[in-house]
Amino acid sequence: MPDLRDIFLCHAWDDRKGAAKELHDLLESKGVSVWFSEKDVLLGTSLLREIDKGLAKSRVGIVLVTPAFLSRVKAEGIADKELSALLARDLLVPIVHDTTYETLRDVSPLLGSRSGLSTAEEPMSDIAAKLAELVTLDE
């Protein structure tokens, strides 16, 4: 079983080398342990099963909402299933990047109704700092 993580980072496959990796690296640099499919899912294993285990072992879920993520959710791919599992949790924070809350609400009213953060309003480094703070408060 994986160790308990502070944060589960849900993101679209297309963002794994860009915004998602940037957020992951910023969080880790602040001492936050992050479940990130890029490093936590081994080749040949079931992605959904690993995501399920990762979610169960993480204290806070964050969703990196990007245009790529929204199009994946619309297509009802893995991001959609991941999102359904995340929405069942109490602590879920959307991070809106390169899109808007309005667009998010059109695709997922439930996620859009959660209070979150937007890179249009503050840099990713500030967002990572706030998330790190949230995790420390929650201990």
N, C-alpha and C. Protein backbone atom coordinates (compact mmCIF):
# COMPACT_ATOMS: atom_id res chain seq x y z
N MET A 1 0.84 -1.20 0.00
CA MET A 1 0.00 0.00 0.00
C MET A 1 0.87 1.25 0.00
N PRO A 2 0.49 2.26 -0.74
CA PRO A 2 1.29 3.50 -0.73
C PRO A 2 1.19 4.19 0.63
N ASP A 3 2.18 5.03 0.94
CA ASP A 3 2.13 5.77 2.20
C ASP A 3 1.06 6.83 2.11
N LEU A 4 0.69 7.35 3.25
CA LEU A 4 -0.27 8.45 3.29
C LEU A 4 0.38 9.67 2.66
N ARG A 5 -0.34 10.32 1.76
CA ARG A 5 0.17 11.54 1.13
C ARG A 5 -0.64 12.72 1.61
N ASP A 6 -0.05 13.89 1.50
CA ASP A 6 -0.78 15.11 1.86
C ASP A 6 -1.82 15.43 0.79
N ILE A 7 -1.38 15.37 -0.46
CA ILE A 7 -2.22 15.85 -1.56
C ILE A 7 -2.27 14.84 -2.71
N PHE A 8 -3.47 14.67 -3.25
CA PHE A 8 -3.65 13.88 -4.47
C PHE A 8 -3.84 14.88 -5.60
N LEU A 9 -2.96 14.84 -6.58
CA LEU A 9 -3.04 15.79 -7.68
C LEU A 9 -3.69 15.14 -8.90
N CYS A 10 -4.89 15.59 -9.20
CA CYS A 10 -5.65 15.09 -10.35
C CYS A 10 -5.41 16.05 -11.52
N HIS A 11 -5.03 15.53 -12.66
CA HIS A 11 -4.72 16.39 -13.81
C HIS A 11 -4.97 15.65 -15.11
N ALA A 12 -5.01 16.37 -16.20
CA ALA A 12 -5.17 15.74 -17.51
C ALA A 12 -3.80 15.24 -17.98
N TRP A 13 -3.81 14.14 -18.68
CA TRP A 13 -2.59 13.54 -19.22
C TRP A 13 -1.76 14.58 -19.98
N ASP A 14 -2.44 15.43 -20.75
CA ASP A 14 -1.73 16.43 -21.57
C ASP A 14 -0.96 17.45 -20.73
N ASP A 15 -1.33 17.59 -19.45
CA ASP A 15 -0.67 18.60 -18.62
C ASP A 15 0.47 18.03 -17.79
N ARG A 16 0.76 16.73 -17.98
CA ARG A 16 1.70 16.06 -17.08
C ARG A 16 3.12 16.64 -17.13
N LYS A 17 3.50 17.20 -18.29
CA LYS A 17 4.85 17.76 -18.40
C LYS A 17 4.87 19.27 -18.16
N GLY A 18 3.66 19.86 -18.16
CA GLY A 18 3.58 21.32 -18.01
C GLY A 18 3.10 21.75 -16.65
N ALA A 19 1.88 22.29 -16.61
CA ALA A 19 1.33 22.86 -15.38
C ALA A 19 1.28 21.87 -14.22
N ALA A 20 0.91 20.62 -14.50
CA ALA A 20 0.80 19.63 -13.42
C ALA A 20 2.17 19.37 -12.79
N LYS A 21 3.18 19.24 -13.63
CA LYS A 21 4.53 18.98 -13.11
C LYS A 21 5.03 20.20 -12.33
N GLU A 22 4.73 21.38 -12.84
CA GLU A 22 5.15 22.61 -12.16
C GLU A 22 4.53 22.66 -10.76
N LEU A 23 3.23 22.39 -10.67
CA LEU A 23 2.55 22.43 -9.37
C LEU A 23 3.10 21.34 -8.45
N HIS A 24 3.29 20.15 -9.00
CA HIS A 24 3.86 19.04 -8.22
C HIS A 24 5.22 19.42 -7.64
N ASP A 25 6.09 19.97 -8.48
CA ASP A 25 7.44 20.31 -8.03
C ASP A 25 7.43 21.42 -6.97
N LEU A 26 6.54 22.41 -7.17
CA LEU A 26 6.43 23.50 -6.20
C LEU A 26 5.96 22.97 -4.84
N LEU A 27 4.98 22.08 -4.87
CA LEU A 27 4.47 21.51 -3.62
C LEU A 27 5.54 20.69 -2.90
N GLU A 28 6.23 19.85 -3.67
CA GLU A 28 7.26 19.01 -3.06
C GLU A 28 8.38 19.86 -2.47
N SER A 29 8.68 20.99 -3.14
CA SER A 29 9.75 21.86 -2.63
C SER A 29 9.34 22.50 -1.31
N LYS A 30 8.02 22.50 -1.03
CA LYS A 30 7.53 23.04 0.24
C LYS A 30 7.31 21.93 1.27
N GLY A 31 7.81 20.76 0.96
CA GLY A 31 7.72 19.65 1.91
C GLY A 31 6.38 18.93 1.92
N VAL A 32 5.57 19.15 0.88
CA VAL A 32 4.27 18.49 0.79
C VAL A 32 4.44 17.18 0.00
N SER A 33 3.89 16.08 0.52
CA SER A 33 3.98 14.84 -0.25
C SER A 33 2.78 14.76 -1.18
N VAL A 34 3.07 14.49 -2.45
CA VAL A 34 2.04 14.55 -3.49
C VAL A 34 1.89 13.20 -4.20
N TRP A 35 0.64 12.75 -4.34
CA TRP A 35 0.37 11.58 -5.18
C TRP A 35 0.21 12.12 -6.59
N PHE A 36 1.09 11.65 -7.48
CA PHE A 36 1.13 12.17 -8.85
C PHE A 36 1.27 10.97 -9.77
N SER A 37 0.29 10.77 -10.66
CA SER A 37 0.29 9.55 -11.46
C SER A 37 1.59 9.34 -12.23
N GLU A 38 2.27 10.45 -12.59
CA GLU A 38 3.52 10.31 -13.35
C GLU A 38 4.55 9.48 -12.61
N LYS A 39 4.57 9.58 -11.28
CA LYS A 39 5.58 8.82 -10.55
C LYS A 39 5.00 7.69 -9.71
N ASP A 40 3.68 7.70 -9.50
CA ASP A 40 3.08 6.71 -8.61
C ASP A 40 2.39 5.54 -9.29
N VAL A 41 2.19 5.64 -10.59
CA VAL A 41 1.56 4.51 -11.29
C VAL A 41 2.63 3.77 -12.07
N LEU A 42 2.82 2.51 -11.73
CA LEU A 42 3.84 1.71 -12.40
C LEU A 42 3.32 1.22 -13.74
N LEU A 43 4.23 1.04 -14.67
CA LEU A 43 3.84 0.54 -15.98
C LEU A 43 3.15 -0.81 -15.84
N GLY A 44 2.11 -0.98 -16.62
CA GLY A 44 1.43 -2.27 -16.63
C GLY A 44 0.38 -2.43 -15.54
N THR A 45 0.24 -1.46 -14.65
CA THR A 45 -0.79 -1.58 -13.61
C THR A 45 -2.05 -0.86 -14.06
N SER A 46 -3.15 -1.15 -13.40
CA SER A 46 -4.42 -0.50 -13.76
C SER A 46 -4.43 0.92 -13.22
N LEU A 47 -4.53 1.87 -14.14
CA LEU A 47 -4.50 3.28 -13.75
C LEU A 47 -5.64 3.61 -12.78
N LEU A 48 -6.85 3.15 -13.10
CA LEU A 48 -7.99 3.47 -12.24
C LEU A 48 -7.83 2.89 -10.85
N ARG A 49 -7.31 1.67 -10.78
CA ARG A 49 -7.12 1.01 -9.47
C ARG A 49 -6.08 1.79 -8.65
N GLU A 50 -5.00 2.21 -9.32
CA GLU A 50 -3.94 2.95 -8.63
C GLU A 50 -4.47 4.32 -8.17
N ILE A 51 -5.29 4.95 -9.02
CA ILE A 51 -5.87 6.24 -8.67
C ILE A 51 -6.75 6.07 -7.43
N ASP A 52 -7.53 5.00 -7.42
CA ASP A 52 -8.40 4.69 -6.29
C ASP A 52 -7.59 4.56 -5.01
N LYS A 53 -6.49 3.81 -5.08
CA LYS A 53 -5.63 3.61 -3.89
C LYS A 53 -4.99 4.92 -3.49
N GLY A 54 -4.56 5.69 -4.49
CA GLY A 54 -3.92 6.98 -4.21
C GLY A 54 -4.88 7.93 -3.50
N LEU A 55 -6.11 7.95 -3.97
CA LEU A 55 -7.14 8.81 -3.37
C LEU A 55 -7.39 8.41 -1.92
N ALA A 56 -7.47 7.11 -1.69
CA ALA A 56 -7.77 6.62 -0.35
C ALA A 56 -6.66 7.00 0.63
N LYS A 57 -5.48 7.18 0.10
CA LYS A 57 -4.32 7.44 0.97
C LYS A 57 -3.89 8.90 0.98
N SER A 58 -4.72 9.79 0.44
CA SER A 58 -4.35 11.21 0.41
C SER A 58 -5.32 12.02 1.25
N ARG A 59 -4.81 13.05 1.90
CA ARG A 59 -5.65 13.84 2.79
C ARG A 59 -6.46 14.90 2.07
N VAL A 60 -5.90 15.49 1.04
CA VAL A 60 -6.59 16.54 0.30
C VAL A 60 -6.50 16.23 -1.19
N GLY A 61 -7.60 16.41 -1.89
CA GLY A 61 -7.58 16.23 -3.34
C GLY A 61 -7.52 17.59 -4.01
N ILE A 62 -6.66 17.74 -4.99
CA ILE A 62 -6.69 18.96 -5.78
C ILE A 62 -6.86 18.58 -7.25
N VAL A 63 -7.62 19.39 -7.94
CA VAL A 63 -7.87 19.13 -9.37
C VAL A 63 -7.31 20.29 -10.15
N LEU A 64 -6.36 20.01 -11.03
CA LEU A 64 -5.81 21.04 -11.89
C LEU A 64 -6.74 21.15 -13.09
N VAL A 65 -7.54 22.20 -13.11
CA VAL A 65 -8.55 22.37 -14.17
C VAL A 65 -7.95 23.21 -15.29
N THR A 66 -7.72 22.57 -16.43
CA THR A 66 -7.15 23.24 -17.61
C THR A 66 -8.07 22.94 -18.79
N PRO A 67 -7.85 23.62 -19.93
CA PRO A 67 -8.67 23.28 -21.10
C PRO A 67 -8.57 21.79 -21.45
N ALA A 68 -7.39 21.21 -21.30
CA ALA A 68 -7.20 19.78 -21.60
C ALA A 68 -8.02 18.92 -20.64
N PHE A 69 -8.01 19.29 -19.37
CA PHE A 69 -8.76 18.54 -18.37
C PHE A 69 -10.26 18.58 -18.68
N LEU A 70 -10.76 19.77 -19.00
CA LEU A 70 -12.18 19.92 -19.29
C LEU A 70 -12.60 19.11 -20.50
N SER A 71 -11.74 19.07 -21.52
CA SER A 71 -12.13 18.30 -22.70
C SER A 71 -12.10 16.80 -22.39
N ARG A 72 -11.21 16.39 -21.48
CA ARG A 72 -11.18 14.97 -21.08
C ARG A 72 -12.43 14.59 -20.29
N VAL A 73 -12.85 15.48 -19.40
CA VAL A 73 -14.05 15.20 -18.60
C VAL A 73 -15.27 15.10 -19.51
N LYS A 74 -15.34 16.01 -20.49
CA LYS A 74 -16.45 15.98 -21.45
C LYS A 74 -16.48 14.66 -22.22
N ALA A 75 -15.29 14.14 -22.51
CA ALA A 75 -15.20 12.89 -23.27
C ALA A 75 -15.42 11.68 -22.38
N GLU A 76 -15.64 11.94 -21.08
CA GLU A 76 -15.88 10.88 -20.10
C GLU A 76 -14.75 9.86 -20.06
N GLY A 77 -13.52 10.37 -20.09
CA GLY A 77 -12.36 9.47 -19.98
C GLY A 77 -12.00 9.24 -18.53
N ILE A 78 -10.73 8.92 -18.32
CA ILE A 78 -10.26 8.62 -16.96
C ILE A 78 -10.41 9.84 -16.06
N ALA A 79 -10.15 11.02 -16.59
CA ALA A 79 -10.27 12.24 -15.77
C ALA A 79 -11.68 12.35 -15.19
N ASP A 80 -12.66 11.92 -15.96
CA ASP A 80 -14.05 11.98 -15.52
C ASP A 80 -14.28 11.02 -14.35
N LYS A 81 -13.73 9.81 -14.43
CA LYS A 81 -13.89 8.82 -13.37
C LYS A 81 -13.15 9.27 -12.11
N GLU A 82 -11.97 9.83 -12.32
CA GLU A 82 -11.16 10.34 -11.22
C GLU A 82 -11.93 11.46 -10.51
N LEU A 83 -12.53 12.32 -11.30
CA LEU A 83 -13.27 13.45 -10.77
C LEU A 83 -14.46 12.96 -9.95
N SER A 84 -15.16 11.94 -10.43
CA SER A 84 -16.31 11.40 -9.69
C SER A 84 -15.88 10.92 -8.32
N ALA A 85 -14.76 10.23 -8.26
CA ALA A 85 -14.25 9.72 -6.98
C ALA A 85 -13.85 10.87 -6.07
N LEU A 86 -13.23 11.88 -6.65
CA LEU A 86 -12.78 13.04 -5.87
C LEU A 86 -13.95 13.84 -5.31
N LEU A 87 -15.00 13.96 -6.09
CA LEU A 87 -16.15 14.76 -5.67
C LEU A 87 -16.84 14.18 -4.44
N ALA A 88 -16.59 12.92 -4.17
CA ALA A 88 -17.19 12.28 -2.99
C ALA A 88 -16.45 12.69 -1.71
N ARG A 89 -15.34 13.39 -1.87
CA ARG A 89 -14.54 13.75 -0.70
C ARG A 89 -14.87 15.13 -0.15
N ASP A 90 -14.56 15.32 1.12
CA ASP A 90 -14.81 16.62 1.74
C ASP A 90 -13.83 17.66 1.23
N LEU A 91 -12.56 17.33 1.30
CA LEU A 91 -11.54 18.32 0.95
C LEU A 91 -11.13 18.19 -0.50
N LEU A 92 -11.68 19.03 -1.33
CA LEU A 92 -11.35 19.00 -2.75
C LEU A 92 -11.22 20.44 -3.23
N VAL A 93 -10.06 20.76 -3.76
CA VAL A 93 -9.78 22.13 -4.17
C VAL A 93 -9.49 22.21 -5.66
N PRO A 94 -10.34 22.90 -6.43
CA PRO A 94 -10.02 23.09 -7.85
C PRO A 94 -8.98 24.20 -8.03
N ILE A 95 -8.01 23.96 -8.89
CA ILE A 95 -7.03 24.99 -9.26
C ILE A 95 -7.30 25.28 -10.74
N VAL A 96 -7.82 26.45 -11.03
CA VAL A 96 -8.19 26.79 -12.40
C VAL A 96 -7.01 27.45 -13.11
N HIS A 97 -6.58 26.85 -14.23
CA HIS A 97 -5.39 27.31 -14.94
C HIS A 97 -5.68 27.43 -16.44
N ASP A 98 -5.47 28.61 -17.00
CA ASP A 98 -5.71 28.86 -18.43
C ASP A 98 -7.16 28.65 -18.85
N THR A 99 -8.07 28.72 -17.87
CA THR A 99 -9.49 28.66 -18.20
C THR A 99 -10.21 29.44 -17.09
N THR A 100 -11.54 29.38 -17.06
CA THR A 100 -12.27 30.18 -16.07
C THR A 100 -13.22 29.30 -15.25
N TYR A 101 -13.66 29.85 -14.14
CA TYR A 101 -14.64 29.15 -13.32
C TYR A 101 -15.95 28.94 -14.07
N GLU A 102 -16.32 29.93 -14.91
CA GLU A 102 -17.56 29.83 -15.69
C GLU A 102 -17.49 28.59 -16.59
N THR A 103 -16.37 28.43 -17.27
CA THR A 103 -16.20 27.28 -18.16
C THR A 103 -16.25 25.99 -17.36
N LEU A 104 -15.59 26.00 -16.20
CA LEU A 104 -15.59 24.82 -15.34
C LEU A 104 -17.02 24.47 -14.92
N ARG A 105 -17.79 25.48 -14.51
CA ARG A 105 -19.17 25.23 -14.06
C ARG A 105 -20.04 24.65 -15.17
N ASP A 106 -19.76 25.03 -16.41
CA ASP A 106 -20.51 24.47 -17.54
C ASP A 106 -20.26 22.98 -17.69
N VAL A 107 -19.03 22.56 -17.39
CA VAL A 107 -18.65 21.16 -17.56
C VAL A 107 -18.93 20.35 -16.30
N SER A 108 -18.62 20.92 -15.15
CA SER A 108 -18.84 20.23 -13.88
C SER A 108 -19.35 21.21 -12.82
N PRO A 109 -20.67 21.36 -12.74
CA PRO A 109 -21.24 22.28 -11.75
C PRO A 109 -20.79 21.93 -10.33
N LEU A 110 -20.65 20.63 -10.05
CA LEU A 110 -20.26 20.22 -8.70
C LEU A 110 -18.85 20.68 -8.35
N LEU A 111 -17.93 20.50 -9.28
CA LEU A 111 -16.56 20.94 -9.02
C LEU A 111 -16.50 22.47 -9.02
N GLY A 112 -17.25 23.07 -9.93
CA GLY A 112 -17.26 24.53 -10.03
C GLY A 112 -17.83 25.23 -8.81
N SER A 113 -18.59 24.46 -8.00
CA SER A 113 -19.18 25.07 -6.81
C SER A 113 -18.23 25.02 -5.61
N ARG A 114 -17.10 24.31 -5.75
CA ARG A 114 -16.12 24.24 -4.66
C ARG A 114 -15.27 25.50 -4.68
N SER A 115 -14.88 25.97 -3.50
CA SER A 115 -14.02 27.15 -3.52
C SER A 115 -12.60 26.69 -3.85
N GLY A 116 -11.97 27.44 -4.72
CA GLY A 116 -10.65 27.05 -5.18
C GLY A 116 -9.76 28.25 -5.48
N LEU A 117 -8.75 28.02 -6.29
CA LEU A 117 -7.77 29.06 -6.60
C LEU A 117 -7.61 29.14 -8.11
N SER A 118 -7.16 30.30 -8.59
CA SER A 118 -6.99 30.48 -10.02
C SER A 118 -5.65 31.12 -10.34
N THR A 119 -4.96 30.57 -11.34
CA THR A 119 -3.65 31.13 -11.71
C THR A 119 -3.83 32.47 -12.44
N ALA A 120 -5.07 32.81 -12.78
CA ALA A 120 -5.30 34.12 -13.40
C ALA A 120 -5.18 35.20 -12.31
N GLU A 121 -5.44 34.80 -11.06
CA GLU A 121 -5.40 35.76 -9.97
C GLU A 121 -4.09 35.77 -9.20
N GLU A 122 -3.39 34.64 -9.17
CA GLU A 122 -2.11 34.59 -8.46
C GLU A 122 -1.21 33.55 -9.09
N PRO A 123 0.11 33.74 -8.97
CA PRO A 123 1.04 32.79 -9.59
C PRO A 123 0.96 31.40 -8.95
N MET A 124 1.37 30.40 -9.72
CA MET A 124 1.35 29.01 -9.27
C MET A 124 2.12 28.83 -7.96
N SER A 125 3.20 29.61 -7.77
CA SER A 125 4.00 29.47 -6.55
C SER A 125 3.19 29.88 -5.31
N ASP A 126 2.36 30.92 -5.45
CA ASP A 126 1.51 31.34 -4.33
C ASP A 126 0.43 30.30 -4.04
N ILE A 127 -0.09 29.72 -5.10
CA ILE A 127 -1.10 28.68 -4.95
C ILE A 127 -0.50 27.48 -4.21
N ALA A 128 0.71 27.10 -4.60
CA ALA A 128 1.38 25.98 -3.93
C ALA A 128 1.59 26.30 -2.45
N ALA A 129 1.94 27.55 -2.14
CA ALA A 129 2.15 27.96 -0.74
C ALA A 129 0.85 27.84 0.05
N LYS A 130 -0.26 28.25 -0.56
CA LYS A 130 -1.56 28.17 0.12
C LYS A 130 -1.95 26.71 0.37
N LEU A 131 -1.69 25.86 -0.62
CA LEU A 131 -2.02 24.44 -0.46
C LEU A 131 -1.17 23.81 0.63
N ALA A 132 0.09 24.19 0.66
CA ALA A 132 1.01 23.67 1.69
C ALA A 132 0.50 24.07 3.08
N GLU A 133 0.01 25.30 3.17
CA GLU A 133 -0.54 25.81 4.43
C GLU A 133 -1.78 25.03 4.84
N LEU A 134 -2.65 24.76 3.87
CA LEU A 134 -3.89 24.02 4.11
C LEU A 134 -3.56 22.65 4.70
N VAL A 135 -2.58 22.00 4.12
CA VAL A 135 -2.21 20.66 4.55
C VAL A 135 -1.63 20.69 5.97
N THR A 136 -0.86 21.71 6.27
CA THR A 136 -0.28 21.81 7.62
C THR A 136 -1.36 22.09 8.65
N LEU A 137 -2.33 22.92 8.29
CA LEU A 137 -3.43 23.24 9.20
C LEU A 137 -4.26 21.99 9.53
N ASP A 138 -4.36 21.13 8.54
CA ASP A 138 -5.24 19.98 8.65
C ASP A 138 -4.67 18.87 9.54
N GLU A 139 -3.39 18.97 9.91
CA GLU A 139 -2.75 17.86 10.66
C GLU A 139 -3.31 17.71 12.05
